[in-house]
Amino acid sequence: MGSVLLNTHKSTRTSARRAIGAMALLVVLLTCSFALVACSDNQPAGDWVYPSKATTSSDGAAAQFNGNKYIPEEAVSDYIALYREQMGLEDDDAWAEFLVSYGYTAESFRLMTIQQLVEDELVLEKTAELGITVTEDEVDQVIANFRSYYAFDDDDIWQDNLDTYGITETELRQTYYLELLREKLEEDQVEQTTPTDDEVLTYIKTYTTALGDDERLAKHTYCFRLSADKDGDLTNSTLANEVHDALVGDDLSVETFATAVTMYSDDEDLVEKTGANGWNIDSSDYTETYLNYLEELDEGQMSEVFIDEDGSYCIIYVDDTYTFPSTSEEIESMSASSMPDSLYEYMTDSCAYAQWVDACDVYIPGLLDDADVVVYDMPADVAYNVDTSSVEADEDASATDTEESAAEE
């Protein structure tokens, strides 16, 4: 049987993941094959635990790792088959077009799949070795947060959405179990360091250069929040409006707004921070509703009471703003003293986190490099090994037509 050592050079990983696309990766993550094989002795029992797919038998193996562990060819085929189903690529012609469009062959897509499956096994093994665990309660909390964020509180709506994506709740829980293990492993093994001043400034300048003209105004906000009323009770709605009216009639400032948060908000995180809700640099930190109201505010202004996407009553106050420079000369002259202290601290933390993420990106591949992975030849009769010659011919003809048209112009 022929074989090839698995190449895990970062550029290979990056190009493969870029080619498949972010949405496609998400679907793979959420819907990968969850064959119910026996869990290892080091894993907790329960249908919420991601099951190991590795075996100690070389029969029908797609790859070997760590000397005596094997990934079955069946697991690879199941993974790819479910991916095709989720992406609407069950038709062989559609699958062939996908492979050619993204620069894949059946072999290279199989290789990437094997890499992912081996990485998953190495995460299971390494966390077991280090005594890193994930509890069922932690998985339950992730599911609860997911349902709350997307307003899937109704069980029927929740089930309808699972059905739409062809995934069961058990499969979703197993996926989150594995992702929580991976996160804990990286947090335990990858050190977060403090960037130098030069590194922070380089990070800030790079960030600033990439901004569009409509993204240069940054705002620092304070937030007052009360949880949603239930069963027709308007107690919190009334209180939120009373707080707002009192602040409007008062000498509005950070101090008065923070006092209102401390006295009346029931959001423990905001109370602990006396309402400080950060700079709106990363829009993913805020809901779309929050950002829409924030967009209308200038420094020193406060929003009306609005209902956020979780049903809570919210008030925003903007206490500081900063406009990132736009010309190359201004960007090059940026320094720590050229922006508010809190913004520089935020960007320092962001730089440190970015460096840590970069380190995480090479940690798991490092485990893969040390696992002595050997990939066996792809069987010719696997379902995903389709004929792509007609699609390739069409691509070549299209490229030729484009070149001729360009030459005529």
Protein backbone atom coordinates (compact mmCIF):
# COMPACT_ATOMS: atom_id res chain seq x y z
CA MET A 1 0.00 0.00 0.00
CA GLY A 2 1.43 3.37 -0.95
CA SER A 3 1.70 6.12 1.60
CA VAL A 4 2.72 9.73 2.06
CA LEU A 5 3.85 11.65 5.12
CA LEU A 6 1.28 14.32 5.97
CA ASN A 7 2.63 17.82 5.30
CA THR A 8 1.37 20.24 7.95
CA HIS A 9 3.25 23.35 6.88
CA LYS A 10 1.21 26.39 7.89
CA SER A 11 0.86 27.72 4.34
CA THR A 12 -0.77 24.45 3.28
CA ARG A 13 -3.24 24.65 6.14
CA THR A 14 -4.01 28.29 5.47
CA SER A 15 -4.58 27.92 1.75
CA ALA A 16 -6.81 24.89 2.23
CA ARG A 17 -8.98 26.61 4.78
CA ARG A 18 -9.19 29.78 2.74
CA ALA A 19 -10.25 27.83 -0.32
CA ILE A 20 -13.07 26.03 1.38
CA GLY A 21 -14.47 29.29 2.76
CA ALA A 22 -15.58 30.37 6.23
CA MET A 23 -19.18 29.25 5.83
CA ALA A 24 -18.16 25.88 4.54
CA LEU A 25 -15.83 25.36 7.48
CA LEU A 26 -18.63 26.26 9.85
CA VAL A 27 -20.86 23.66 8.28
CA VAL A 28 -18.10 21.07 8.53
CA LEU A 29 -17.59 21.97 12.17
CA LEU A 30 -21.25 21.70 13.04
CA THR A 31 -22.06 18.65 10.98
CA CYS A 32 -19.04 16.39 10.81
CA SER A 33 -19.64 12.68 11.08
CA PHE A 34 -20.34 11.54 14.63
CA ALA A 35 -20.09 7.78 14.36
CA LEU A 36 -20.91 6.34 17.77
CA VAL A 37 -17.82 4.31 18.44
CA ALA A 38 -16.55 3.38 21.85
CA CYS A 39 -15.00 6.21 23.85
CA SER A 40 -11.51 5.80 25.23
CA ASP A 41 -11.00 5.08 28.91
CA ASN A 42 -9.83 8.66 29.42
CA GLN A 43 -13.06 10.22 28.18
CA PRO A 44 -16.17 10.73 30.30
CA ALA A 45 -19.25 8.74 29.35
CA GLY A 46 -22.32 10.36 27.85
CA ASP A 47 -23.89 11.15 24.50
CA TRP A 48 -22.60 14.74 24.83
CA VAL A 49 -18.97 13.54 24.57
CA TYR A 50 -17.30 13.69 21.16
CA PRO A 51 -16.46 10.04 20.38
CA SER A 52 -13.02 8.99 19.26
CA LYS A 53 -12.90 7.66 15.72
CA ALA A 54 -9.41 6.18 15.99
CA THR A 55 -8.85 2.43 16.05
CA THR A 56 -5.87 0.16 16.70
CA SER A 57 -6.54 -1.88 13.55
CA SER A 58 -4.90 -1.10 10.23
CA ASP A 59 -7.66 -2.86 8.31
CA GLY A 60 -9.36 -0.37 6.02
CA ALA A 61 -7.26 2.47 7.39
CA ALA A 62 -6.87 5.83 5.67
CA ALA A 63 -4.01 7.01 7.87
CA GLN A 64 -1.74 5.98 10.72
CA PHE A 65 -0.55 8.23 13.56
CA ASN A 66 1.41 7.91 16.78
CA GLY A 67 2.69 4.51 15.64
CA ASN A 68 -0.32 2.37 16.50
CA LYS A 69 -3.44 4.48 15.91
CA TYR A 70 -5.45 4.55 12.70
CA ILE A 71 -8.16 6.67 11.07
CA PRO A 72 -10.58 4.36 9.22
CA GLU A 73 -11.29 5.07 5.57
CA GLU A 74 -14.97 4.79 6.45
CA ALA A 75 -14.69 7.74 8.85
CA VAL A 76 -13.16 9.86 6.09
CA SER A 77 -15.87 8.91 3.60
CA ASP A 78 -18.62 9.57 6.15
CA TYR A 79 -17.15 12.99 6.93
CA ILE A 80 -16.99 14.00 3.27
CA ALA A 81 -20.42 12.54 2.49
CA LEU A 82 -22.04 14.58 5.24
CA TYR A 83 -20.15 17.67 4.12
CA ARG A 84 -21.49 17.19 0.59
CA GLU A 85 -25.01 16.76 1.95
CA GLN A 86 -24.84 19.93 4.02
CA MET A 87 -23.41 21.97 1.16
CA GLY A 88 -25.91 20.69 -1.39
CA LEU A 89 -23.16 18.89 -3.29
CA GLU A 90 -24.58 15.36 -3.32
CA ASP A 91 -24.84 15.45 -7.11
CA ASP A 92 -21.54 14.30 -8.60
CA ASP A 93 -21.50 17.06 -11.21
CA ALA A 94 -21.97 19.71 -8.50
CA TRP A 95 -19.25 18.09 -6.41
CA ALA A 96 -16.88 18.02 -9.38
CA GLU A 97 -17.53 21.70 -10.08
CA PHE A 98 -16.86 22.53 -6.42
CA LEU A 99 -13.55 20.68 -6.40
CA VAL A 100 -12.31 22.37 -9.55
CA SER A 101 -13.56 25.83 -8.54
CA TYR A 102 -11.63 25.72 -5.26
CA GLY A 103 -8.51 24.09 -6.68
CA TYR A 104 -9.11 20.71 -5.05
CA THR A 105 -8.83 17.16 -6.19
CA ALA A 106 -10.51 14.26 -4.43
CA GLU A 107 -7.09 13.35 -3.00
CA SER A 108 -6.33 16.81 -1.62
CA PHE A 109 -9.79 17.17 -0.08
CA ARG A 110 -9.35 13.74 1.51
CA LEU A 111 -5.95 14.80 2.83
CA MET A 112 -7.44 17.87 4.49
CA THR A 113 -10.21 15.76 5.99
CA ILE A 114 -7.71 13.27 7.41
CA GLN A 115 -5.72 16.12 8.87
CA GLN A 116 -8.81 17.43 10.66
CA LEU A 117 -9.75 13.98 11.98
CA VAL A 118 -6.23 13.35 13.28
CA GLU A 119 -6.14 16.80 14.92
CA ASP A 120 -9.37 15.97 16.73
CA GLU A 121 -7.89 12.72 18.01
CA LEU A 122 -4.74 14.46 19.19
CA VAL A 123 -6.83 16.98 21.12
CA LEU A 124 -8.66 14.11 22.83
CA GLU A 125 -5.37 12.38 23.65
CA LYS A 126 -3.48 15.46 24.85
CA THR A 127 -6.29 16.73 27.08
CA ALA A 128 -6.66 13.27 28.63
CA GLU A 129 -2.90 13.19 29.25
CA LEU A 130 -2.99 16.62 30.94
CA GLY A 131 -6.16 15.95 32.92
CA ILE A 132 -8.09 18.68 31.06
CA THR A 133 -11.81 17.99 31.11
CA VAL A 134 -15.10 19.44 29.96
CA THR A 135 -18.22 18.80 32.01
CA GLU A 136 -21.74 18.23 30.78
CA ASP A 137 -22.78 21.43 32.59
CA GLU A 138 -20.28 23.43 30.52
CA VAL A 139 -21.69 22.00 27.29
CA ASP A 140 -25.22 22.69 28.52
CA GLN A 141 -24.29 26.31 29.18
CA VAL A 142 -22.87 26.77 25.67
CA ILE A 143 -26.06 25.37 24.16
CA ALA A 144 -28.16 27.60 26.43
CA ASN A 145 -26.14 30.68 25.44
CA PHE A 146 -26.45 29.76 21.76
CA ARG A 147 -30.20 29.37 22.01
CA SER A 148 -30.58 32.60 23.98
CA TYR A 149 -28.43 34.65 21.60
CA TYR A 150 -30.39 33.53 18.54
CA ALA A 151 -33.76 33.67 20.34
CA PHE A 152 -34.33 29.92 20.03
CA ASP A 153 -36.06 29.72 23.41
CA ASP A 154 -39.05 27.93 21.91
CA ASP A 155 -38.30 24.20 21.64
CA ASP A 156 -40.18 23.82 18.36
CA ILE A 157 -38.27 26.70 16.74
CA TRP A 158 -35.02 25.26 18.07
CA GLN A 159 -35.79 21.84 16.62
CA ASP A 160 -36.87 23.33 13.28
CA ASN A 161 -33.50 25.07 12.97
CA LEU A 162 -31.60 21.92 13.83
CA ASP A 163 -33.62 20.05 11.21
CA THR A 164 -32.90 22.75 8.64
CA TYR A 165 -29.16 22.17 9.01
CA GLY A 166 -29.54 18.40 9.28
CA ILE A 167 -27.96 18.14 12.70
CA THR A 168 -29.23 16.69 15.96
CA GLU A 169 -28.75 18.35 19.33
CA THR A 170 -26.57 15.42 20.38
CA GLU A 171 -24.25 16.07 17.43
CA LEU A 172 -24.14 19.77 18.22
CA ARG A 173 -23.33 19.06 21.87
CA GLN A 174 -20.52 16.71 20.83
CA THR A 175 -19.09 19.38 18.56
CA TYR A 176 -19.10 21.97 21.34
CA TYR A 177 -17.55 19.42 23.71
CA LEU A 178 -14.61 19.03 21.34
CA GLU A 179 -14.28 22.77 20.76
CA LEU A 180 -14.30 23.45 24.52
CA LEU A 181 -11.56 20.84 24.95
CA ARG A 182 -9.53 22.48 22.20
CA GLU A 183 -9.95 25.93 23.77
CA LYS A 184 -8.95 24.67 27.22
CA LEU A 185 -5.93 22.90 25.77
CA GLU A 186 -4.74 26.06 24.03
CA GLU A 187 -5.37 28.18 27.13
CA ASP A 188 -3.36 25.69 29.21
CA GLN A 189 -0.46 25.16 26.83
CA VAL A 190 -0.07 28.41 24.86
CA GLU A 191 1.30 31.32 26.87
CA GLN A 192 -0.09 34.81 26.28
CA THR A 193 2.76 37.30 26.34
CA THR A 194 2.83 41.08 26.66
CA PRO A 195 3.66 42.75 23.33
CA THR A 196 6.35 45.39 23.15
CA ASP A 197 5.47 49.05 22.51
CA ASP A 198 6.82 48.73 18.96
CA GLU A 199 4.65 45.66 18.34
CA VAL A 200 1.57 47.46 19.63
CA LEU A 201 2.21 50.50 17.41
CA THR A 202 2.79 48.28 14.38
CA TYR A 203 -0.49 46.52 15.16
CA ILE A 204 -2.33 49.84 15.52
CA LYS A 205 -0.90 51.23 12.28
CA THR A 206 -1.78 48.06 10.38
CA TYR A 207 -5.30 48.14 11.79
CA THR A 208 -5.71 51.83 10.95
CA THR A 209 -4.46 51.41 7.39
CA ALA A 210 -7.10 48.73 6.75
CA LEU A 211 -10.02 50.88 7.94
CA GLY A 212 -12.58 52.22 5.50
CA ASP A 213 -13.53 55.88 5.63
CA ASP A 214 -16.79 55.07 7.42
CA GLU A 215 -15.00 52.98 10.06
CA ARG A 216 -12.55 55.53 11.43
CA LEU A 217 -14.70 57.00 14.20
CA ALA A 218 -14.39 54.96 17.39
CA LYS A 219 -16.72 55.49 20.33
CA HIS A 220 -16.36 54.52 23.97
CA THR A 221 -19.65 53.67 25.63
CA TYR A 222 -21.27 53.15 28.98
CA CYS A 223 -24.33 50.94 29.11
CA PHE A 224 -27.30 50.63 31.45
CA ARG A 225 -29.26 47.39 31.14
CA LEU A 226 -32.29 45.80 32.80
CA SER A 227 -33.48 42.30 31.97
CA ALA A 228 -36.65 41.72 29.98
CA ASP A 229 -40.00 41.80 31.73
CA LYS A 230 -41.96 38.55 31.82
CA ASP A 231 -45.63 37.67 31.59
CA GLY A 232 -46.82 41.20 30.93
CA ASP A 233 -45.03 42.69 33.92
CA LEU A 234 -43.66 46.14 32.98
CA THR A 235 -41.66 46.78 36.14
CA ASN A 236 -38.26 46.88 34.43
CA SER A 237 -39.58 48.81 31.44
CA THR A 238 -40.96 51.48 33.77
CA LEU A 239 -37.75 51.61 35.83
CA ALA A 240 -35.54 51.91 32.73
CA ASN A 241 -37.56 54.88 31.49
CA GLU A 242 -37.49 56.50 34.93
CA VAL A 243 -33.70 56.14 35.05
CA HIS A 244 -33.41 57.62 31.57
CA ASP A 245 -35.62 60.60 32.45
CA ALA A 246 -33.65 61.24 35.63
CA LEU A 247 -30.36 61.23 33.71
CA VAL A 248 -31.73 63.61 31.08
CA GLY A 249 -32.79 66.01 33.79
CA ASP A 250 -29.52 65.68 35.67
CA ASP A 251 -26.02 66.87 34.83
CA LEU A 252 -25.28 63.92 32.54
CA SER A 253 -21.74 62.64 32.94
CA VAL A 254 -19.79 59.44 33.36
CA GLU A 255 -20.23 59.73 37.11
CA THR A 256 -24.02 60.14 37.09
CA PHE A 257 -24.48 57.41 34.47
CA ALA A 258 -22.19 55.02 36.36
CA THR A 259 -24.09 55.70 39.57
CA ALA A 260 -27.37 54.81 37.85
CA VAL A 261 -25.88 51.55 36.61
CA THR A 262 -24.59 50.66 40.07
CA MET A 263 -27.90 51.44 41.76
CA TYR A 264 -30.47 50.09 39.32
CA SER A 265 -29.01 47.78 36.62
CA ASP A 266 -29.42 44.03 37.11
CA ASP A 267 -26.61 43.14 34.69
CA GLU A 268 -23.89 41.88 37.04
CA ASP A 269 -21.05 42.32 34.53
CA LEU A 270 -21.99 45.95 33.82
CA VAL A 271 -22.48 46.70 37.52
CA GLU A 272 -19.00 45.32 38.23
CA LYS A 273 -17.58 47.67 35.57
CA THR A 274 -19.85 50.55 36.67
CA GLY A 275 -21.36 50.50 33.18
CA ALA A 276 -18.17 50.77 31.11
CA ASN A 277 -18.84 48.85 27.88
CA GLY A 278 -15.67 49.45 25.90
CA TRP A 279 -14.72 50.84 22.51
CA ASN A 280 -16.80 49.75 19.52
CA ILE A 281 -13.74 48.45 17.66
CA ASP A 282 -14.99 44.88 17.33
CA SER A 283 -18.60 44.96 16.16
CA SER A 284 -19.01 41.29 17.11
CA ASP A 285 -18.96 42.38 20.76
CA TYR A 286 -22.32 44.12 20.28
CA THR A 287 -25.72 43.36 18.84
CA GLU A 288 -26.90 44.95 15.60
CA THR A 289 -29.57 46.84 17.54
CA TYR A 290 -26.98 48.23 19.94
CA LEU A 291 -24.76 49.37 17.06
CA ASN A 292 -27.66 51.01 15.26
CA TYR A 293 -28.47 53.17 18.28
CA LEU A 294 -24.79 53.87 18.91
CA GLU A 295 -24.33 55.11 15.34
CA GLU A 296 -26.67 58.03 16.04
CA LEU A 297 -24.77 59.25 19.12
CA ASP A 298 -21.95 61.77 19.41
CA GLU A 299 -19.65 62.31 22.37
CA GLY A 300 -21.60 63.31 25.48
CA GLN A 301 -24.92 62.03 24.12
CA MET A 302 -27.24 59.33 25.48
CA SER A 303 -29.69 57.10 23.66
CA GLU A 304 -33.33 56.61 24.45
CA VAL A 305 -34.39 53.39 26.13
CA PHE A 306 -34.43 50.61 23.55
CA ILE A 307 -35.09 46.90 23.64
CA ASP A 308 -31.99 44.93 22.75
CA GLU A 309 -32.08 41.64 20.89
CA ASP A 310 -32.25 39.60 24.11
CA GLY A 311 -35.31 41.57 25.21
CA SER A 312 -33.44 43.63 27.80
CA TYR A 313 -33.97 47.38 28.25
CA CYS A 314 -30.84 49.27 27.33
CA ILE A 315 -29.49 52.84 27.46
CA ILE A 316 -26.16 53.87 25.87
CA TYR A 317 -23.99 56.84 26.81
CA VAL A 318 -20.97 57.89 24.72
CA ASP A 319 -18.30 59.43 26.92
CA ASP A 320 -15.36 59.55 24.49
CA THR A 321 -14.58 59.34 20.77
CA TYR A 322 -11.47 59.03 18.62
CA THR A 323 -11.04 59.36 14.86
CA PHE A 324 -8.32 57.17 13.42
CA PRO A 325 -6.16 59.07 10.90
CA SER A 326 -6.57 58.43 7.19
CA THR A 327 -3.39 59.63 5.45
CA SER A 328 -0.21 57.58 5.39
CA GLU A 329 1.74 60.45 6.98
CA GLU A 330 -0.70 60.72 9.90
CA ILE A 331 -0.77 56.95 10.38
CA GLU A 332 3.01 56.71 10.41
CA SER A 333 3.23 59.42 13.11
CA MET A 334 0.75 57.66 15.45
CA SER A 335 1.94 57.08 19.00
CA ALA A 336 0.58 56.00 22.36
CA SER A 337 0.05 59.61 23.32
CA SER A 338 -1.95 60.37 20.16
CA MET A 339 -5.02 58.46 21.34
CA PRO A 340 -7.01 58.10 24.58
CA ASP A 341 -5.28 55.95 27.20
CA SER A 342 -8.19 53.53 27.38
CA LEU A 343 -8.12 53.03 23.60
CA TYR A 344 -4.38 52.39 23.61
CA GLU A 345 -4.91 49.85 26.40
CA TYR A 346 -7.65 48.21 24.37
CA MET A 347 -5.43 48.01 21.30
CA THR A 348 -2.60 46.60 23.44
CA ASP A 349 -4.90 43.86 24.69
CA SER A 350 -6.06 43.21 21.13
CA CYS A 351 -2.46 42.94 19.95
CA ALA A 352 -1.64 40.50 22.75
CA TYR A 353 -4.68 38.41 21.89
CA ALA A 354 -3.82 38.41 18.17
CA GLN A 355 -0.31 37.20 18.98
CA TRP A 356 -1.76 34.47 21.21
CA VAL A 357 -4.14 33.36 18.46
CA ASP A 358 -1.19 33.15 16.06
CA ALA A 359 0.62 30.98 18.60
CA CYS A 360 -2.47 28.78 18.97
CA ASP A 361 -2.61 28.39 15.20
CA VAL A 362 0.73 26.59 15.27
CA TYR A 363 0.27 24.66 18.53
CA ILE A 364 -2.18 22.02 17.28
CA PRO A 365 -0.32 21.62 13.94
CA GLY A 366 2.78 21.11 16.08
CA LEU A 367 1.09 18.14 17.72
CA LEU A 368 0.27 16.89 14.24
CA ASP A 369 3.90 17.20 13.15
CA ASP A 370 4.98 15.16 16.16
CA ALA A 371 2.41 12.42 15.54
CA ASP A 372 4.26 10.87 12.57
CA VAL A 373 1.14 10.81 10.43
CA VAL A 374 1.24 8.53 7.42
CA VAL A 375 -1.57 8.80 4.88
CA TYR A 376 -2.31 5.75 2.75
CA ASP A 377 -3.34 5.88 -0.90
CA MET A 378 -6.92 6.80 -1.61
CA PRO A 379 -9.06 3.87 -2.78
CA ALA A 380 -10.18 4.52 -6.35
CA ASP A 381 -13.78 3.52 -5.65
CA VAL A 382 -14.63 6.02 -2.88
CA ALA A 383 -17.83 7.93 -3.66
CA TYR A 384 -16.20 11.36 -3.57
CA ASN A 385 -13.61 10.45 -6.24
CA VAL A 386 -15.57 11.79 -9.21
CA ASP A 387 -14.54 12.60 -12.78
CA THR A 388 -13.68 16.31 -13.05
CA SER A 389 -12.32 16.32 -16.61
CA SER A 390 -15.38 17.95 -18.22
CA VAL A 391 -15.43 20.71 -15.60
CA GLU A 392 -11.71 21.32 -16.07
CA ALA A 393 -12.23 21.57 -19.83
CA ASP A 394 -15.00 24.12 -19.35
CA GLU A 395 -12.77 26.12 -16.98
CA ASP A 396 -9.93 26.12 -19.54
CA ALA A 397 -12.28 27.22 -22.33
CA SER A 398 -13.69 30.02 -20.17
CA ALA A 399 -10.20 31.23 -19.27
CA THR A 400 -9.21 31.23 -22.95
CA ASP A 401 -12.30 33.28 -23.90
CA THR A 402 -11.54 35.78 -21.16
CA GLU A 403 -7.93 36.20 -22.30
CA GLU A 404 -9.02 36.69 -25.93
CA SER A 405 -11.61 39.28 -24.91
CA ALA A 406 -9.04 41.15 -22.87
CA ALA A 407 -6.59 41.12 -25.77
CA GLU A 408 -9.22 42.54 -28.16
CA GLU A 409 -9.94 45.42 -25.77
